Amino acid sequence: MSDSDSDIGRCHICKEPQAEIRFCPECYHWFCARCRTNWFKRGIEAVKAVIKFQSDRAKGECCGPVR
């Protein structure tokens, strides 16, 4: 992933609303630089997401670029 793939928006883990974020094609979420390198926390968040699965949420609605 190149730096050109970054955008400004909300990080999936820390929920920082105006962070520079990058998309992860493995889990389909957006992460700021600090959270992107914290693999253990990303694993915990993935488990939480599976447990709290909400069928009415669109994929990627929880994070991503500001539109």
C-alpha atoms as a PDB file:
ATOM      1  CA  MET A   1       0.000   0.000   0.000  1.00  0.00           C
ATOM      2  CA  SER A   2       1.440   3.373  -0.961  1.00  0.00           C
ATOM      3  CA  ASP A   3       1.064   6.724   0.779  1.00  0.00           C
ATOM      4  CA  SER A   4      -1.289   7.731  -2.023  1.00  0.00           C
ATOM      5  CA  ASP A   5      -3.790   5.270  -0.526  1.00  0.00           C
ATOM      6  CA  SER A   6      -4.167   7.421   2.578  1.00  0.00           C
ATOM      7  CA  ASP A   7      -7.069   9.748   3.296  1.00  0.00           C
ATOM      8  CA  ILE A   8      -8.447  11.837   6.151  1.00  0.00           C
ATOM      9  CA  GLY A   9     -11.190  10.222   8.191  1.00  0.00           C
ATOM     10  CA  ARG A  10     -12.082   8.059  11.201  1.00  0.00           C
ATOM     11  CA  CYS A  11      -9.797   5.291  12.476  1.00  0.00           C
ATOM     12  CA  HIS A  12     -11.528   1.974  13.185  1.00  0.00           C
ATOM     13  CA  ILE A  13      -9.814   1.461  16.566  1.00  0.00           C
ATOM     14  CA  CYS A  14      -9.225   4.838  18.224  1.00  0.00           C
ATOM     15  CA  LYS A  15     -12.145   6.528  16.398  1.00  0.00           C
ATOM     16  CA  GLU A  16     -10.043   9.676  15.876  1.00  0.00           C
ATOM     17  CA  PRO A  17     -12.377  11.554  13.510  1.00  0.00           C
ATOM     18  CA  GLN A  18      -9.808  13.577  11.535  1.00  0.00           C
ATOM     19  CA  ALA A  19      -6.782  11.250  11.383  1.00  0.00           C
ATOM     20  CA  GLU A  20      -4.693  10.397   8.365  1.00  0.00           C
ATOM     21  CA  ILE A  21      -5.919   6.852   7.702  1.00  0.00           C
ATOM     22  CA  ARG A  22      -5.070   4.001   5.352  1.00  0.00           C
ATOM     23  CA  PHE A  23      -7.275   1.127   4.190  1.00  0.00           C
ATOM     24  CA  CYS A  24      -6.424  -2.477   5.117  1.00  0.00           C
ATOM     25  CA  PRO A  25      -7.458  -4.832   2.295  1.00  0.00           C
ATOM     26  CA  GLU A  26      -7.211  -7.820   4.676  1.00  0.00           C
ATOM     27  CA  CYS A  27      -9.961  -6.706   7.073  1.00  0.00           C
ATOM     28  CA  TYR A  28     -11.710  -3.933   5.103  1.00  0.00           C
ATOM     29  CA  HIS A  29     -11.224  -1.218   7.738  1.00  0.00           C
ATOM     30  CA  TRP A  30      -9.314   2.067   7.963  1.00  0.00           C
ATOM     31  CA  PHE A  31      -6.532   2.711  10.521  1.00  0.00           C
ATOM     32  CA  CYS A  32      -4.374   5.668  11.590  1.00  0.00           C
ATOM     33  CA  ALA A  33      -0.589   5.125  11.693  1.00  0.00           C
ATOM     34  CA  ARG A  34      -0.528   4.402  15.447  1.00  0.00           C
ATOM     35  CA  CYS A  35      -3.329   1.823  15.369  1.00  0.00           C
ATOM     36  CA  ARG A  36      -2.191   0.263  12.076  1.00  0.00           C
ATOM     37  CA  THR A  37       1.052  -0.890  13.704  1.00  0.00           C
ATOM     38  CA  ASN A  38      -0.659  -2.217  16.846  1.00  0.00           C
ATOM     39  CA  TRP A  39      -1.469  -5.720  15.555  1.00  0.00           C
ATOM     40  CA  PHE A  40      -2.567  -7.153  18.916  1.00  0.00           C
ATOM     41  CA  LYS A  41      -5.182  -4.422  19.389  1.00  0.00           C
ATOM     42  CA  ARG A  42      -6.409  -4.970  15.823  1.00  0.00           C
ATOM     43  CA  GLY A  43      -6.936  -8.668  16.612  1.00  0.00           C
ATOM     44  CA  ILE A  44      -8.928  -7.858  19.733  1.00  0.00           C
ATOM     45  CA  GLU A  45     -11.066  -5.393  17.761  1.00  0.00           C
ATOM     46  CA  ALA A  46     -11.704  -8.050  15.094  1.00  0.00           C
ATOM     47  CA  VAL A  47     -12.969 -10.487  17.728  1.00  0.00           C
ATOM     48  CA  LYS A  48     -15.228  -7.776  19.191  1.00  0.00           C
ATOM     49  CA  ALA A  49     -16.628  -7.043  15.737  1.00  0.00           C
ATOM     50  CA  VAL A  50     -17.517 -10.703  15.179  1.00  0.00           C
ATOM     51  CA  ILE A  51     -19.211 -10.907  18.564  1.00  0.00           C
ATOM     52  CA  LYS A  52     -21.144  -7.663  18.060  1.00  0.00           C
ATOM     53  CA  PHE A  53     -21.999  -8.298  14.398  1.00  0.00           C
ATOM     54  CA  GLN A  54     -24.782  -6.004  13.280  1.00  0.00           C
ATOM     55  CA  SER A  55     -26.432  -7.000  10.034  1.00  0.00           C
ATOM     56  CA  ASP A  56     -27.957  -3.542   9.569  1.00  0.00           C
ATOM     57  CA  ARG A  57     -24.544  -1.837   9.299  1.00  0.00           C
ATOM     58  CA  ALA A  58     -23.008  -1.387   5.885  1.00  0.00           C
ATOM     59  CA  LYS A  59     -19.470  -2.675   5.387  1.00  0.00           C
ATOM     60  CA  GLY A  60     -17.008   0.103   6.225  1.00  0.00           C
ATOM     61  CA  GLU A  61     -19.594   2.328   7.916  1.00  0.00           C
ATOM     62  CA  CYS A  62     -17.694   2.273  11.215  1.00  0.00           C
ATOM     63  CA  CYS A  63     -14.599   3.962   9.799  1.00  0.00           C
ATOM     64  CA  GLY A  64     -13.166   5.518   6.685  1.00  0.00           C
ATOM     65  CA  PRO A  65     -12.680   8.754   4.804  1.00  0.00           C
ATOM     66  CA  VAL A  66     -14.730  11.826   5.600  1.00  0.00           C
ATOM     67  CA  ARG A  67     -17.220  12.295   2.788  1.00  0.00           C
END
